[in-house]
Each structure stands twice: as structure tokens, then as C-alpha cells.
Amino acid sequence: MFLIGFAMACAGGWLLTNQVTVSSDFFASGFMVPVVNYRMNSFGLSLVPFIIGIGFLFYNGKSVIGWLLTIAGLVIILAGILMSLHIFFRPTTLFNTLMMLVLLFGGIGLVVRSLKPAPGLPSGDDAGKSETTKPS
């Protein structure tokens, strides 16, 4: 049951992600400089906390503020990259979309169902004990 569900989930996931197109404008959230008609982005500003945090860590590797600034800088950079992505679902037929979703979620359901314990089997506490060996 697990292997069938896993195969279904993999097939559905692959078919679904195969319909997705991802493109980006590298840090498209910049602003236009009106006089020279030049688009500036804010990527350099997002590096400032990361660079300061790295400086603190080179000075003292156990610096809490250094670790906080470095992690905050990485989060800001990753958020900027994710926000600049444009994700589109390519047009497909309703039948294909339903097949993708049924395979994906049906497979996940079979995997979860195969992981829960089978009904009627004794649990770990009562395993191996019969009626005659139980204390009264």
C-alpha cells in the first residue's frame, strides 16, 4: 500500500510541477531614478546586515549579535529572491488537472493510511500477554 501511494504521489507531484513555469526579474522591486531613467534595485541594501554580521563573527565567533545579524541578513536575501519570482500555472485541460490532483492527494492519503497501525493488533503494552498471565 505504501509503495503504490508513494508512486502515485510522485507521479502526481511531477505532473503538477511540470505545468508550472517560474521566471524572475532579479530583485524587480527596485525603483526608477527619474532624471537618468535608470532602474536601481535594493539588493545591495539587503546585504548590509549580512556583511556586518559576518564581520562580528570574524571578530568573535560566539557573538550573539553577529549570529542574529547574519541569520537576519540571509532571511532578507532569501525573501527578496522569493518575492522576485513569478510563478505561473500553464493552461491545461480540466481532466489533466483532476488527474494530477487525484494522483497527488490520493497517493498522499495511501501513504498516510499505510503508516498508521493496523486495527485489531495488540499495542506494545499488551503484546505477548495472555488472559492467564495478566495480574488480577
C-alpha atoms as a PDB file:
ATOM      1  CA  MET A   1       0.000   0.000   0.000  1.00  0.00           C
ATOM      2  CA  PHE A   2       2.844   2.365   0.874  1.00  0.00           C
ATOM      3  CA  LEU A   3       4.717   1.823  -2.393  1.00  0.00           C
ATOM      4  CA  ILE A   4       1.594   2.311  -4.525  1.00  0.00           C
ATOM      5  CA  GLY A   5       0.749   5.524  -2.646  1.00  0.00           C
ATOM      6  CA  PHE A   6       4.336   6.760  -2.901  1.00  0.00           C
ATOM      7  CA  ALA A   7       4.403   6.090  -6.653  1.00  0.00           C
ATOM      8  CA  MET A   8       1.049   7.851  -7.107  1.00  0.00           C
ATOM      9  CA  ALA A   9       2.176  10.867  -5.072  1.00  0.00           C
ATOM     10  CA  CYS A  10       5.440  11.104  -7.012  1.00  0.00           C
ATOM     11  CA  ALA A  11       3.659  10.866 -10.369  1.00  0.00           C
ATOM     12  CA  GLY A  12       1.037  13.450  -9.384  1.00  0.00           C
ATOM     13  CA  GLY A  13       3.653  15.788  -7.947  1.00  0.00           C
ATOM     14  CA  TRP A  14       5.786  15.518 -11.064  1.00  0.00           C
ATOM     15  CA  LEU A  15       2.860  16.109 -13.403  1.00  0.00           C
ATOM     16  CA  LEU A  16       1.705  19.111 -11.352  1.00  0.00           C
ATOM     17  CA  THR A  17       5.134  20.741 -11.112  1.00  0.00           C
ATOM     18  CA  ASN A  18       5.697  20.073 -14.811  1.00  0.00           C
ATOM     19  CA  GLN A  19       2.838  22.503 -15.545  1.00  0.00           C
ATOM     20  CA  VAL A  20       4.399  25.325 -13.516  1.00  0.00           C
ATOM     21  CA  THR A  21       6.556  27.994 -15.154  1.00  0.00           C
ATOM     22  CA  VAL A  22       8.845  30.060 -12.952  1.00  0.00           C
ATOM     23  CA  SER A  23      10.547  33.243 -14.135  1.00  0.00           C
ATOM     24  CA  SER A  24      12.093  36.149 -12.333  1.00  0.00           C
ATOM     25  CA  ASP A  25      13.157  39.727 -12.596  1.00  0.00           C
ATOM     26  CA  PHE A  26      16.245  39.809 -10.404  1.00  0.00           C
ATOM     27  CA  PHE A  27      15.177  41.988  -7.471  1.00  0.00           C
ATOM     28  CA  ALA A  28      12.461  43.661  -9.529  1.00  0.00           C
ATOM     29  CA  SER A  29      11.247  45.588  -6.500  1.00  0.00           C
ATOM     30  CA  GLY A  30      13.705  48.382  -7.206  1.00  0.00           C
ATOM     31  CA  PHE A  31      12.866  51.949  -8.020  1.00  0.00           C
ATOM     32  CA  MET A  32      13.360  54.194 -11.030  1.00  0.00           C
ATOM     33  CA  VAL A  33      15.733  57.166 -10.866  1.00  0.00           C
ATOM     34  CA  PRO A  34      13.703  59.838 -12.702  1.00  0.00           C
ATOM     35  CA  VAL A  35      16.478  62.032 -14.116  1.00  0.00           C
ATOM     36  CA  VAL A  36      18.663  59.397 -15.766  1.00  0.00           C
ATOM     37  CA  ASN A  37      15.944  56.794 -16.404  1.00  0.00           C
ATOM     38  CA  TYR A  38      17.903  54.120 -14.546  1.00  0.00           C
ATOM     39  CA  ARG A  39      16.348  51.330 -12.509  1.00  0.00           C
ATOM     40  CA  MET A  40      18.046  50.797  -9.143  1.00  0.00           C
ATOM     41  CA  ASN A  41      17.359  47.739  -7.033  1.00  0.00           C
ATOM     42  CA  SER A  42      17.626  47.197  -3.328  1.00  0.00           C
ATOM     43  CA  PHE A  43      19.825  44.084  -3.355  1.00  0.00           C
ATOM     44  CA  GLY A  44      22.889  45.934  -2.019  1.00  0.00           C
ATOM     45  CA  LEU A  45      20.918  47.229   0.947  1.00  0.00           C
ATOM     46  CA  SER A  46      19.803  43.709   1.809  1.00  0.00           C
ATOM     47  CA  LEU A  47      23.476  42.669   2.106  1.00  0.00           C
ATOM     48  CA  VAL A  48      24.291  45.221   4.832  1.00  0.00           C
ATOM     49  CA  PRO A  49      23.059  43.211   7.872  1.00  0.00           C
ATOM     50  CA  PHE A  50      24.659  40.052   6.471  1.00  0.00           C
ATOM     51  CA  ILE A  51      28.052  41.719   5.956  1.00  0.00           C
ATOM     52  CA  ILE A  52      28.006  43.379   9.391  1.00  0.00           C
ATOM     53  CA  GLY A  53      27.051  40.049  10.978  1.00  0.00           C
ATOM     54  CA  ILE A  54      29.921  38.287   9.197  1.00  0.00           C
ATOM     55  CA  GLY A  55      32.272  40.995  10.473  1.00  0.00           C
ATOM     56  CA  PHE A  56      31.089  40.435  14.051  1.00  0.00           C
ATOM     57  CA  LEU A  57      31.529  36.665  13.635  1.00  0.00           C
ATOM     58  CA  PHE A  58      35.085  37.019  12.348  1.00  0.00           C
ATOM     59  CA  TYR A  59      35.887  39.196  15.354  1.00  0.00           C
ATOM     60  CA  ASN A  60      34.161  36.884  17.869  1.00  0.00           C
ATOM     61  CA  GLY A  61      32.665  33.592  16.685  1.00  0.00           C
ATOM     62  CA  LYS A  62      30.390  33.365  19.750  1.00  0.00           C
ATOM     63  CA  SER A  63      28.852  36.802  19.260  1.00  0.00           C
ATOM     64  CA  VAL A  64      25.080  36.560  19.592  1.00  0.00           C
ATOM     65  CA  ILE A  65      24.502  39.832  17.739  1.00  0.00           C
ATOM     66  CA  GLY A  66      26.767  38.581  14.942  1.00  0.00           C
ATOM     67  CA  TRP A  67      24.748  35.398  14.558  1.00  0.00           C
ATOM     68  CA  LEU A  68      21.454  37.323  14.690  1.00  0.00           C
ATOM     69  CA  LEU A  69      22.592  39.794  12.030  1.00  0.00           C
ATOM     70  CA  THR A  70      23.933  37.023   9.786  1.00  0.00           C
ATOM     71  CA  ILE A  71      20.748  34.965  10.034  1.00  0.00           C
ATOM     72  CA  ALA A  72      18.561  38.066   9.568  1.00  0.00           C
ATOM     73  CA  GLY A  73      20.611  39.038   6.506  1.00  0.00           C
ATOM     74  CA  LEU A  74      20.194  35.571   4.990  1.00  0.00           C
ATOM     75  CA  VAL A  75      16.444  35.662   5.640  1.00  0.00           C
ATOM     76  CA  ILE A  76      16.183  39.092   3.984  1.00  0.00           C
ATOM     77  CA  ILE A  77      18.155  37.886   0.947  1.00  0.00           C
ATOM     78  CA  LEU A  78      16.072  34.709   0.571  1.00  0.00           C
ATOM     79  CA  ALA A  79      12.831  36.664   0.990  1.00  0.00           C
ATOM     80  CA  GLY A  80      13.957  39.118  -1.697  1.00  0.00           C
ATOM     81  CA  ILE A  81      14.734  36.290  -4.100  1.00  0.00           C
ATOM     82  CA  LEU A  82      11.394  34.576  -3.457  1.00  0.00           C
ATOM     83  CA  MET A  83       9.479  37.828  -3.835  1.00  0.00           C
ATOM     84  CA  SER A  84      11.059  38.453  -7.236  1.00  0.00           C
ATOM     85  CA  LEU A  85       9.811  35.128  -8.647  1.00  0.00           C
ATOM     86  CA  HIS A  86       6.811  34.987 -10.962  1.00  0.00           C
ATOM     87  CA  ILE A  87       5.074  31.599 -10.783  1.00  0.00           C
ATOM     88  CA  PHE A  88       2.521  30.650 -13.468  1.00  0.00           C
ATOM     89  CA  PHE A  89       0.412  27.524 -13.930  1.00  0.00           C
ATOM     90  CA  ARG A  90       0.382  26.768 -17.655  1.00  0.00           C
ATOM     91  CA  PRO A  91      -3.044  26.178 -19.198  1.00  0.00           C
ATOM     92  CA  THR A  92      -4.143  22.548 -19.257  1.00  0.00           C
ATOM     93  CA  THR A  93      -7.387  20.654 -19.552  1.00  0.00           C
ATOM     94  CA  LEU A  94      -9.645  20.058 -16.582  1.00  0.00           C
ATOM     95  CA  PHE A  95      -9.193  16.303 -16.967  1.00  0.00           C
ATOM     96  CA  ASN A  96      -5.394  16.587 -16.765  1.00  0.00           C
ATOM     97  CA  THR A  97      -5.623  18.861 -13.730  1.00  0.00           C
ATOM     98  CA  LEU A  98      -8.003  16.473 -11.953  1.00  0.00           C
ATOM     99  CA  MET A  99      -5.733  13.513 -12.759  1.00  0.00           C
ATOM    100  CA  MET A 100      -2.733  15.362 -11.322  1.00  0.00           C
ATOM    101  CA  LEU A 101      -4.571  16.266  -8.123  1.00  0.00           C
ATOM    102  CA  VAL A 102      -6.137  12.796  -7.673  1.00  0.00           C
ATOM    103  CA  LEU A 103      -2.741  11.124  -8.116  1.00  0.00           C
ATOM    104  CA  LEU A 104      -1.017  13.540  -5.736  1.00  0.00           C
ATOM    105  CA  PHE A 105      -3.554  13.619  -2.915  1.00  0.00           C
ATOM    106  CA  GLY A 106      -4.709  10.018  -3.357  1.00  0.00           C
ATOM    107  CA  GLY A 107      -1.090   8.911  -3.109  1.00  0.00           C
ATOM    108  CA  ILE A 108      -0.512  11.018  -0.003  1.00  0.00           C
ATOM    109  CA  GLY A 109      -3.672   9.521   1.519  1.00  0.00           C
ATOM    110  CA  LEU A 110      -2.470   5.971   0.823  1.00  0.00           C
ATOM    111  CA  VAL A 111       0.956   6.705   2.313  1.00  0.00           C
ATOM    112  CA  VAL A 112      -0.577   8.173   5.484  1.00  0.00           C
ATOM    113  CA  ARG A 113      -3.030   5.272   5.713  1.00  0.00           C
ATOM    114  CA  SER A 114      -0.224   2.724   5.415  1.00  0.00           C
ATOM    115  CA  LEU A 115       1.736   4.402   8.222  1.00  0.00           C
ATOM    116  CA  LYS A 116      -0.975   4.174  10.876  1.00  0.00           C
ATOM    117  CA  PRO A 117      -1.185   0.939  12.913  1.00  0.00           C
ATOM    118  CA  ALA A 118      -3.487  -1.798  11.687  1.00  0.00           C
ATOM    119  CA  PRO A 119      -6.691  -2.232  13.759  1.00  0.00           C
ATOM    120  CA  GLY A 120      -7.046  -5.328  15.900  1.00  0.00           C
ATOM    121  CA  LEU A 121      -3.353  -5.833  16.604  1.00  0.00           C
ATOM    122  CA  PRO A 122      -2.277  -5.584  20.243  1.00  0.00           C
ATOM    123  CA  SER A 123      -0.359  -2.480  21.191  1.00  0.00           C
ATOM    124  CA  GLY A 124       3.163  -2.567  22.629  1.00  0.00           C
ATOM    125  CA  ASP A 125       1.979  -2.669  26.285  1.00  0.00           C
ATOM    126  CA  ASP A 126      -0.319  -5.671  25.878  1.00  0.00           C
ATOM    127  CA  ALA A 127       1.819  -7.565  23.355  1.00  0.00           C
ATOM    128  CA  GLY A 128       2.666 -11.101  24.452  1.00  0.00           C
ATOM    129  CA  LYS A 129       0.349 -11.120  27.467  1.00  0.00           C
ATOM    130  CA  SER A 130      -2.471 -13.596  27.546  1.00  0.00           C
ATOM    131  CA  GLU A 131      -5.501 -13.669  29.829  1.00  0.00           C
ATOM    132  CA  THR A 132      -3.839 -16.167  32.191  1.00  0.00           C
ATOM    133  CA  THR A 133      -0.646 -14.127  32.717  1.00  0.00           C
ATOM    134  CA  LYS A 134      -2.304 -10.790  33.473  1.00  0.00           C
ATOM    135  CA  PRO A 135      -2.184  -9.837  37.158  1.00  0.00           C
ATOM    136  CA  SER A 136      -5.540  -9.767  38.874  1.00  0.00           C
END
